[in-house]
Protein backbone atom coordinates (compact mmCIF):
# COMPACT_ATOMS: atom_id res chain seq x y z
CA MET A 1 139.39 82.97 30.46
CA GLU A 2 140.39 80.34 33.42
CA ALA A 3 143.75 81.28 33.11
CA ILE A 4 143.90 83.61 35.67
CA ILE A 5 142.16 81.25 38.32
CA PHE A 6 145.58 78.84 37.74
CA ALA A 7 147.83 81.11 37.42
CA LEU A 8 146.43 82.52 41.18
CA ILE A 9 147.11 78.58 41.64
CA GLY A 10 150.57 78.41 40.91
CA VAL A 11 151.68 81.74 42.50
CA ASN A 12 149.97 80.36 46.03
CA VAL A 13 151.49 76.77 44.60
CA ILE A 14 155.29 78.32 43.99
CA ALA A 15 155.19 80.81 46.84
CA PHE A 16 154.12 77.78 48.97
CA ILE A 17 157.33 75.24 47.94
CA LEU A 18 159.89 78.32 47.38
CA PRO A 19 161.30 77.50 50.90
CA THR A 20 161.96 73.83 50.43
CA ILE A 21 163.94 74.85 47.57
CA ILE A 22 165.79 77.91 49.09
CA ASP A 23 166.60 78.31 52.09
CA PHE A 24 165.12 81.36 53.99
CA SER A 25 166.29 80.44 57.31
CA GLY A 26 170.51 81.08 56.62
CA GLY A 27 170.98 77.55 58.62
CA ARG A 28 169.01 79.40 61.64
CA GLY A 29 165.86 76.71 61.85
CA SER A 30 163.15 76.04 59.38
CA SER A 31 163.14 77.63 56.09
CA ASN A 32 159.30 78.03 55.56
CA GLU A 33 159.52 79.52 59.07
CA ALA A 34 161.39 82.17 58.22
CA PHE A 35 159.87 82.55 55.06
CA LEU A 36 156.23 83.08 56.81
CA ARG A 37 157.92 86.09 58.44
CA MET A 38 159.76 87.66 55.79
CA GLY A 39 155.90 88.18 54.45
CA TRP A 40 153.43 87.34 57.23
CA ASN A 41 150.85 90.14 57.68
CA SER A 42 152.47 91.09 61.09
CA ALA A 43 150.67 94.29 62.52
CA SER A 44 153.98 95.58 63.94
CA ASP A 45 155.96 95.78 60.92
CA ILE A 46 152.98 97.33 58.74
CA LYS A 47 152.98 99.63 61.14
CA ASP A 48 156.67 100.17 60.93
CA GLY A 49 156.21 101.09 57.21
CA GLU A 50 156.06 97.58 55.72
CA TYR A 51 152.97 97.27 53.88
CA TYR A 52 153.73 94.74 51.35
CA ARG A 53 152.74 92.66 54.13
CA LEU A 54 148.60 93.63 53.03
CA ILE A 55 148.87 91.81 49.73
CA SER A 56 152.21 89.34 50.43
CA SER A 57 150.36 87.79 53.37
CA MET A 58 147.77 86.75 50.83
CA PHE A 59 149.62 84.24 48.72
CA LEU A 60 150.84 82.36 52.03
CA HIS A 61 150.29 79.38 53.38
CA GLY A 62 151.30 77.70 56.73
CA ASP A 63 150.77 74.38 55.90
CA PHE A 64 149.81 71.61 53.70
CA PHE A 65 146.07 71.25 54.47
CA HIS A 66 146.51 75.74 54.56
CA ILE A 67 146.81 75.48 50.63
CA LEU A 68 145.17 72.82 49.44
CA VAL A 69 141.61 73.88 51.15
CA ASN A 70 142.28 77.30 49.83
CA MET A 71 143.50 76.55 46.25
CA TYR A 72 140.48 74.01 46.38
CA SER A 73 138.47 76.51 46.99
CA LEU A 74 139.68 79.07 44.74
CA TYR A 75 139.38 76.41 41.82
CA VAL A 76 135.57 75.25 42.70
CA VAL A 77 134.20 78.86 43.42
CA GLY A 78 136.18 80.53 40.72
CA PHE A 79 134.80 79.76 37.82
CA ASN A 80 131.37 80.66 39.13
CA ILE A 81 133.24 84.54 39.08
CA LEU A 82 135.07 84.02 36.03
CA GLU A 83 131.52 83.37 34.66
CA ILE A 84 129.64 86.53 35.78
CA PHE A 85 132.43 89.19 35.93
CA GLY A 86 134.99 88.32 33.40
CA SER A 87 138.49 87.86 34.02
CA VAL A 88 138.90 91.65 34.57
CA GLY A 89 136.21 91.81 37.46
CA PHE A 90 137.51 88.29 38.62
CA PHE A 91 140.85 90.13 39.03
CA LEU A 92 139.45 93.14 41.18
CA ILE A 93 137.33 91.35 43.11
CA TYR A 94 140.47 88.83 44.01
CA LEU A 95 142.81 91.05 44.52
CA PHE A 96 141.13 94.37 46.51
CA SER A 97 139.27 91.57 48.36
CA GLY A 98 142.60 89.95 49.66
CA ILE A 99 143.79 93.55 50.20
CA GLY A 100 140.36 94.27 52.19
CA GLY A 101 140.92 90.68 54.09
CA SER A 102 144.91 91.83 55.49
CA ILE A 103 143.48 95.49 56.13
CA ALA A 104 140.29 94.27 58.62
CA SER A 105 143.15 91.36 60.27
CA PHE A 106 145.79 94.05 60.80
CA ALA A 107 143.07 96.29 62.27
CA LEU A 108 141.20 93.84 64.26
CA HIS A 109 143.28 90.90 64.85
CA PRO A 110 146.90 92.58 65.60
CA ARG A 111 148.58 90.25 67.81
CA THR A 112 148.75 87.73 65.51
CA PRO A 113 150.35 87.60 62.32
CA SER A 114 148.36 85.96 59.74
CA VAL A 115 149.00 84.25 56.01
CA GLY A 116 146.28 83.01 53.82
CA ALA A 117 144.37 83.29 50.59
CA SER A 118 141.10 82.69 52.37
CA GLY A 119 140.34 86.74 52.51
CA ALA A 120 140.63 86.72 48.76
CA ILE A 121 138.32 83.84 48.46
CA PHE A 122 135.74 85.04 51.16
CA GLY A 123 135.34 88.22 48.57
CA LEU A 124 134.55 85.90 45.89
CA VAL A 125 132.30 84.36 47.24
CA GLY A 126 130.89 87.53 48.57
CA SER A 127 130.78 88.83 45.11
CA LEU A 128 128.41 86.03 44.43
CA LEU A 129 126.24 87.10 47.54
CA ALA A 130 125.52 90.47 45.60
CA PHE A 131 124.87 88.31 42.61
CA SER A 132 122.81 86.12 44.23
CA ILE A 133 120.44 89.00 45.74
CA LEU A 134 120.74 91.42 42.70
CA SER A 135 119.63 88.70 39.98
CA GLY A 136 116.75 87.40 42.37
CA GLN A 137 118.12 83.32 42.88
CA THR A 138 117.81 82.04 46.07
CA GLY A 139 118.77 79.00 45.93
CA LEU A 140 121.84 80.28 44.89
CA LEU A 141 121.64 83.07 47.74
CA GLY A 142 120.56 79.83 50.47
CA ASN A 143 123.86 78.26 49.44
CA ILE A 144 125.97 80.87 49.62
CA ILE A 145 124.84 81.89 53.16
CA ILE A 146 124.79 78.76 54.74
CA ILE A 147 128.68 78.11 52.80
CA ILE A 148 129.83 81.55 54.42
CA ALA A 149 127.70 80.99 58.10
CA VAL A 150 129.85 77.19 57.68
CA ASN A 151 132.94 78.88 57.78
CA LEU A 152 133.00 81.97 60.30
CA VAL A 153 131.63 79.26 62.87
CA ILE A 154 134.49 77.00 61.85
CA GLY A 155 136.40 79.95 62.10
CA PHE A 156 134.95 81.16 65.15
CA THR A 157 135.49 77.81 67.18
CA SER A 158 139.19 77.27 65.99
CA GLY A 159 140.97 78.22 69.06
CA GLY A 160 142.68 81.45 67.44
CA ARG A 161 144.23 79.27 64.13
CA ILE A 162 141.92 80.78 61.90
CA ASP A 163 142.09 84.67 61.00
CA ASN A 164 138.11 85.47 60.67
CA TYR A 165 138.44 89.33 60.87
CA GLY A 166 140.87 88.44 57.76
CA HIS A 167 137.67 86.17 56.15
CA ILE A 168 135.22 89.12 57.31
CA GLY A 169 136.99 91.77 55.33
CA GLY A 170 137.41 89.74 52.73
CA LEU A 171 133.79 89.09 52.18
CA VAL A 172 132.41 92.65 52.68
CA THR A 173 135.69 94.24 50.31
CA GLY A 174 133.79 91.11 47.61
CA THR A 175 130.56 92.23 48.25
CA VAL A 176 130.61 95.43 47.40
CA ILE A 177 132.74 95.19 44.74
CA GLY A 178 130.41 93.05 43.40
CA LEU A 179 127.64 94.72 44.18
CA LEU A 180 129.63 97.97 42.02
CA LEU A 181 130.42 95.97 39.28
CA ILE A 182 126.86 94.46 38.44
CA LEU A 183 125.29 97.80 39.05
CA GLY A 184 127.89 99.21 36.53
CA VAL A 185 129.43 101.74 38.80
């Protein structure tokens, strides 16, 4: 069952390493930057019909620390989500939260391109928030609220380096999907 977590980590790591193996710049600069530009969440490109960017940006990371934090978070939170929602529920929450985060970023943070799995990961945390509310687990609820608050404060004080709109979009999407899955809707 945990294979889905390792598969997602693998896809993200492969996407991170790929520009070191293949030169995406055509010899005109940084392969990593060229690769990111090919799939990042860019409002102008999405407006031009490149909708794939709402998904591709979920698997791209700007630097080693970025992917390290996101993959560690996916690993830590993922097992709880798998236990509660199963593999299909986990995948639905992850995918649609990532897309929800990308849409929020596109709509609310249009001037700066963004990348990263954190919208999807915030969605996983949102589904855990839904579970803690509906199951009455106040200890878990308190811990989740602290995790969300700390991460949003870090994002809002990052000087624009972190796209909190993507985080909030993923969080809201994951919370809603978690509620729907728990309620059986």
